[in-house]
Amino acid sequence: MLNDMADDNGNSVATKADVAGLRAELKADIQSLRTATKADIESAKMETFERIERSETTLLKEFRKWSSRNDAQLKLHGARDISYDQRITLLEERVAELEEHR
């Protein structure tokens, strides 16, 4: 691309056409890099979103397992509370009857 002209030190001299050609090549290279970088960024974003979604799904599944066990325990304790309430009510009624017969 450089012509055969040389300066006083023997270095080749670039013409305006040489500079314009290099400038065009650089612009094309920069555009290519921009396009590749944008594609890489988009790919990384998608991968990140997919990882977040998998993590959320895993967390929600585990939370659901935990809450199911917790709900079962609460129902069991709730049934026990009802049973205790019924027994206390019966005892209160018996005490009330005994106090009436005194």
Protein backbone atom coordinates (compact mmCIF):
# COMPACT_ATOMS: atom_id res chain seq x y z
CA MET A 1 0.00 0.00 0.00
CA LEU A 2 2.82 2.39 0.77
CA ASN A 3 4.53 3.90 -2.24
CA ASP A 4 8.20 3.76 -3.12
CA MET A 5 8.97 7.33 -2.04
CA ALA A 6 11.27 7.74 0.96
CA ASP A 7 12.19 10.57 3.27
CA ASP A 8 15.73 11.67 4.20
CA ASN A 9 16.08 8.79 6.70
CA GLY A 10 15.03 6.14 4.20
CA ASN A 11 11.53 5.67 5.63
CA SER A 12 8.67 5.18 3.18
CA VAL A 13 6.29 8.11 2.87
CA ALA A 14 2.54 7.48 3.02
CA THR A 15 0.26 9.22 0.59
CA LYS A 16 -3.23 10.50 1.30
CA ALA A 17 -4.57 7.45 -0.47
CA ASP A 18 -2.49 5.18 1.80
CA VAL A 19 -3.83 6.93 4.91
CA ALA A 20 -7.39 6.81 3.59
CA GLY A 21 -7.05 3.09 2.91
CA LEU A 22 -5.70 2.42 6.40
CA ARG A 23 -8.45 4.57 7.89
CA ALA A 24 -11.09 2.54 6.03
CA GLU A 25 -9.53 -0.72 7.26
CA LEU A 26 -9.47 0.58 10.84
CA LYS A 27 -13.08 1.68 10.64
CA ALA A 28 -14.09 -1.75 9.36
CA ASP A 29 -12.07 -3.46 12.12
CA ILE A 30 -13.61 -1.22 14.79
CA GLN A 31 -17.10 -1.88 13.47
CA SER A 32 -16.41 -5.61 13.47
CA LEU A 33 -15.17 -5.42 17.08
CA ARG A 34 -18.26 -3.43 18.11
CA THR A 35 -20.55 -6.00 16.54
CA ALA A 36 -18.68 -8.89 18.18
CA THR A 37 -18.66 -7.11 21.55
CA LYS A 38 -22.39 -6.40 21.37
CA ALA A 39 -23.05 -10.05 20.55
CA ASP A 40 -20.84 -11.18 23.46
CA ILE A 41 -22.60 -8.82 25.85
CA GLU A 42 -26.03 -9.99 24.68
CA SER A 43 -24.98 -13.61 25.09
CA ALA A 44 -23.66 -12.93 28.60
CA LYS A 45 -26.91 -11.15 29.51
CA MET A 46 -29.00 -14.09 28.32
CA GLU A 47 -26.81 -16.56 30.22
CA THR A 48 -27.11 -14.41 33.35
CA PHE A 49 -30.89 -14.22 33.03
CA GLU A 50 -31.09 -17.99 32.57
CA ARG A 51 -28.92 -18.58 35.66
CA ILE A 52 -31.06 -16.20 37.72
CA GLU A 53 -34.21 -17.95 36.53
CA ARG A 54 -32.78 -21.39 37.44
CA SER A 55 -31.78 -20.07 40.87
CA GLU A 56 -35.22 -18.58 41.46
CA THR A 57 -36.87 -21.83 40.41
CA THR A 58 -34.64 -23.85 42.73
CA LEU A 59 -35.28 -21.49 45.63
CA LEU A 60 -39.03 -21.55 45.07
CA LYS A 61 -39.09 -25.35 44.92
CA GLU A 62 -37.12 -25.63 48.15
CA PHE A 63 -39.28 -23.02 49.85
CA ARG A 64 -42.39 -24.91 48.78
CA LYS A 65 -41.00 -28.13 50.26
CA TRP A 66 -40.23 -26.33 53.50
CA SER A 67 -43.63 -24.65 53.65
CA SER A 68 -45.42 -27.95 52.98
CA ARG A 69 -43.65 -29.55 55.95
CA ASN A 70 -44.28 -26.46 58.03
CA ASP A 71 -47.99 -26.44 57.09
CA ALA A 72 -48.30 -30.09 58.05
CA GLN A 73 -46.75 -29.37 61.45
CA LEU A 74 -49.01 -26.37 61.98
CA LYS A 75 -52.08 -28.46 61.16
CA LEU A 76 -50.92 -31.14 63.58
CA HIS A 77 -50.38 -28.56 66.32
CA GLY A 78 -53.70 -26.94 65.45
CA ALA A 79 -55.47 -30.27 65.88
CA ARG A 80 -53.71 -30.76 69.22
CA ASP A 81 -54.79 -27.28 70.32
CA ILE A 82 -58.40 -28.07 69.46
CA SER A 83 -58.14 -31.30 71.41
CA TYR A 84 -56.66 -29.47 74.41
CA ASP A 85 -59.35 -26.78 74.18
CA GLN A 86 -62.04 -29.45 74.19
CA ARG A 87 -60.48 -31.17 77.19
CA ILE A 88 -60.16 -27.87 79.08
CA THR A 89 -63.77 -27.05 78.29
CA LEU A 90 -64.89 -30.44 79.64
CA LEU A 91 -62.79 -29.94 82.80
CA GLU A 92 -64.25 -26.48 83.32
CA GLU A 93 -67.75 -27.88 82.95
CA ARG A 94 -67.00 -30.64 85.50
CA VAL A 95 -65.54 -28.13 87.95
CA ALA A 96 -68.60 -25.93 87.49
CA GLU A 97 -70.90 -28.92 88.18
CA LEU A 98 -68.93 -29.86 91.28
CA GLU A 99 -69.11 -26.32 92.58
CA GLU A 100 -72.89 -26.28 92.05
CA HIS A 101 -73.33 -29.49 94.08
CA ARG A 102 -71.38 -28.23 97.07
